[in-house]
Amino acid sequence: MNPESYSTMEQVRAGVDNLDSQIVALLAQRFAHMRAAARIKQDRGAVRDEARKAEVIANAREEAEQLGLPGEMIASLWDHLVEASIAYEMEEFDRIKA
């Protein structure tokens, strides 16, 4: 996959579809880590950690900017990702600890 060599929209779409599949697989791994966190944490209140959330978003923004991507846009995406991860971890915590 080298977008610079693409000459058709079919190639672009196939490349995007391939990347989307890889991103979903990586999200599955990320959410597996949230399940582990839910299992390990003893207190439901520990699931939400605003300092860690800010750190994760800042790291994503910095890495994005180093790669020439719009940092604010990536930070916004990561804010949604982290909030979804927290919600998932809360659900898992409640399920595991029930």
C-alpha atoms as a PDB file:
ATOM      1  CA  MET A   1       0.000   0.000   0.000  1.00  0.00           C
ATOM      2  CA  ASN A   2       1.632   3.144  -1.232  1.00  0.00           C
ATOM      3  CA  PRO A   3      -0.905   5.933  -1.743  1.00  0.00           C
ATOM      4  CA  GLU A   4       1.639   7.926  -3.727  1.00  0.00           C
ATOM      5  CA  SER A   5       1.520   5.240  -6.425  1.00  0.00           C
ATOM      6  CA  TYR A   6      -2.283   5.020  -6.653  1.00  0.00           C
ATOM      7  CA  SER A   7      -3.869   6.083  -9.908  1.00  0.00           C
ATOM      8  CA  THR A   8      -7.512   5.098  -9.305  1.00  0.00           C
ATOM      9  CA  MET A   9     -10.156   5.667  -6.669  1.00  0.00           C
ATOM     10  CA  GLU A  10     -10.572   1.899  -6.416  1.00  0.00           C
ATOM     11  CA  GLN A  11      -6.980   1.687  -5.148  1.00  0.00           C
ATOM     12  CA  VAL A  12      -7.607   4.490  -2.668  1.00  0.00           C
ATOM     13  CA  ARG A  13     -10.793   2.832  -1.398  1.00  0.00           C
ATOM     14  CA  ALA A  14      -9.138  -0.569  -1.123  1.00  0.00           C
ATOM     15  CA  GLY A  15      -6.282   1.011   0.811  1.00  0.00           C
ATOM     16  CA  VAL A  16      -8.669   2.796   3.170  1.00  0.00           C
ATOM     17  CA  ASP A  17     -10.718  -0.380   3.678  1.00  0.00           C
ATOM     18  CA  ASN A  18      -7.542  -2.310   4.476  1.00  0.00           C
ATOM     19  CA  LEU A  19      -6.439   0.317   6.996  1.00  0.00           C
ATOM     20  CA  ASP A  20      -9.897   0.440   8.589  1.00  0.00           C
ATOM     21  CA  SER A  21      -9.721  -3.311   9.125  1.00  0.00           C
ATOM     22  CA  GLN A  22      -6.325  -2.942  10.788  1.00  0.00           C
ATOM     23  CA  ILE A  23      -7.580  -0.070  12.968  1.00  0.00           C
ATOM     24  CA  VAL A  24     -10.557  -2.146  14.170  1.00  0.00           C
ATOM     25  CA  ALA A  25      -8.191  -5.016  15.016  1.00  0.00           C
ATOM     26  CA  LEU A  26      -6.016  -2.609  17.008  1.00  0.00           C
ATOM     27  CA  LEU A  27      -9.092  -1.248  18.788  1.00  0.00           C
ATOM     28  CA  ALA A  28      -9.980  -4.806  19.761  1.00  0.00           C
ATOM     29  CA  GLN A  29      -6.555  -5.070  21.379  1.00  0.00           C
ATOM     30  CA  ARG A  30      -6.993  -1.697  23.106  1.00  0.00           C
ATOM     31  CA  PHE A  31     -10.347  -2.763  24.511  1.00  0.00           C
ATOM     32  CA  ALA A  32      -8.808  -6.038  25.710  1.00  0.00           C
ATOM     33  CA  HIS A  33      -6.482  -3.854  27.772  1.00  0.00           C
ATOM     34  CA  MET A  34      -9.549  -2.064  29.180  1.00  0.00           C
ATOM     35  CA  ARG A  35     -10.960  -5.460  30.215  1.00  0.00           C
ATOM     36  CA  ALA A  36      -7.664  -6.211  31.964  1.00  0.00           C
ATOM     37  CA  ALA A  37      -7.781  -2.851  33.736  1.00  0.00           C
ATOM     38  CA  ALA A  38     -11.355  -3.524  34.867  1.00  0.00           C
ATOM     39  CA  ARG A  39     -10.267  -6.891  36.250  1.00  0.00           C
ATOM     40  CA  ILE A  40      -7.197  -5.476  38.029  1.00  0.00           C
ATOM     41  CA  LYS A  41      -8.674  -2.294  39.527  1.00  0.00           C
ATOM     42  CA  GLN A  42     -10.261  -2.767  42.927  1.00  0.00           C
ATOM     43  CA  ASP A  43     -12.275   0.463  42.984  1.00  0.00           C
ATOM     44  CA  ARG A  44     -14.763   1.580  40.324  1.00  0.00           C
ATOM     45  CA  GLY A  45     -13.712   5.172  41.013  1.00  0.00           C
ATOM     46  CA  ALA A  46     -10.249   4.340  39.716  1.00  0.00           C
ATOM     47  CA  VAL A  47     -11.640   3.640  36.244  1.00  0.00           C
ATOM     48  CA  ARG A  48     -11.831   7.351  35.415  1.00  0.00           C
ATOM     49  CA  ASP A  49      -8.395   8.942  35.705  1.00  0.00           C
ATOM     50  CA  GLU A  50      -8.463  12.467  34.278  1.00  0.00           C
ATOM     51  CA  ALA A  51      -4.690  12.913  34.581  1.00  0.00           C
ATOM     52  CA  ARG A  52      -4.062   9.731  32.584  1.00  0.00           C
ATOM     53  CA  LYS A  53      -6.712  10.744  30.041  1.00  0.00           C
ATOM     54  CA  ALA A  54      -4.972  14.086  29.493  1.00  0.00           C
ATOM     55  CA  GLU A  55      -1.614  12.339  29.165  1.00  0.00           C
ATOM     56  CA  VAL A  56      -2.914   9.873  26.554  1.00  0.00           C
ATOM     57  CA  ILE A  57      -4.491  12.664  24.498  1.00  0.00           C
ATOM     58  CA  ALA A  58      -1.375  14.835  24.728  1.00  0.00           C
ATOM     59  CA  ASN A  59       0.778  11.904  23.598  1.00  0.00           C
ATOM     60  CA  ALA A  60      -1.486  11.283  20.601  1.00  0.00           C
ATOM     61  CA  ARG A  61      -1.468  14.976  19.682  1.00  0.00           C
ATOM     62  CA  GLU A  62       2.310  15.169  19.901  1.00  0.00           C
ATOM     63  CA  GLU A  63       2.838  12.036  17.820  1.00  0.00           C
ATOM     64  CA  ALA A  64       0.317  13.250  15.234  1.00  0.00           C
ATOM     65  CA  GLU A  65       2.045  16.600  14.915  1.00  0.00           C
ATOM     66  CA  GLN A  66       5.420  14.890  14.513  1.00  0.00           C
ATOM     67  CA  LEU A  67       3.870  12.959  11.608  1.00  0.00           C
ATOM     68  CA  GLY A  68       2.518  16.146  10.022  1.00  0.00           C
ATOM     69  CA  LEU A  69      -1.095  15.532  11.025  1.00  0.00           C
ATOM     70  CA  PRO A  70      -3.462  18.122  12.526  1.00  0.00           C
ATOM     71  CA  GLY A  71      -2.864  17.784  16.253  1.00  0.00           C
ATOM     72  CA  GLU A  72      -6.192  19.249  17.351  1.00  0.00           C
ATOM     73  CA  MET A  73      -8.140  16.889  15.100  1.00  0.00           C
ATOM     74  CA  ILE A  74      -6.263  13.852  16.422  1.00  0.00           C
ATOM     75  CA  ALA A  75      -6.686  15.079  20.012  1.00  0.00           C
ATOM     76  CA  SER A  76     -10.434  15.305  19.428  1.00  0.00           C
ATOM     77  CA  LEU A  77     -10.533  11.766  18.020  1.00  0.00           C
ATOM     78  CA  TRP A  78      -8.517  10.511  20.988  1.00  0.00           C
ATOM     79  CA  ASP A  79     -10.840  12.262  23.426  1.00  0.00           C
ATOM     80  CA  HIS A  80     -13.731  10.273  21.940  1.00  0.00           C
ATOM     81  CA  LEU A  81     -11.660   7.077  21.948  1.00  0.00           C
ATOM     82  CA  VAL A  82     -10.641   7.498  25.584  1.00  0.00           C
ATOM     83  CA  GLU A  83     -14.206   8.307  26.658  1.00  0.00           C
ATOM     84  CA  ALA A  84     -15.470   5.209  24.846  1.00  0.00           C
ATOM     85  CA  SER A  85     -12.708   3.182  26.503  1.00  0.00           C
ATOM     86  CA  ILE A  86     -13.671   4.494  29.931  1.00  0.00           C
ATOM     87  CA  ALA A  87     -17.341   3.665  29.321  1.00  0.00           C
ATOM     88  CA  TYR A  88     -16.384   0.166  28.184  1.00  0.00           C
ATOM     89  CA  GLU A  89     -14.104  -0.329  31.180  1.00  0.00           C
ATOM     90  CA  MET A  90     -16.901   0.792  33.542  1.00  0.00           C
ATOM     91  CA  GLU A  91     -19.263  -1.747  31.967  1.00  0.00           C
ATOM     92  CA  GLU A  92     -16.637  -4.455  32.273  1.00  0.00           C
ATOM     93  CA  PHE A  93     -15.856  -3.483  35.869  1.00  0.00           C
ATOM     94  CA  ASP A  94     -19.541  -3.776  36.779  1.00  0.00           C
ATOM     95  CA  ARG A  95     -19.856  -7.102  34.935  1.00  0.00           C
ATOM     96  CA  ILE A  96     -16.722  -8.615  36.488  1.00  0.00           C
ATOM     97  CA  LYS A  97     -17.316  -7.338  40.026  1.00  0.00           C
ATOM     98  CA  ALA A  98     -21.054  -8.101  40.092  1.00  0.00           C
END
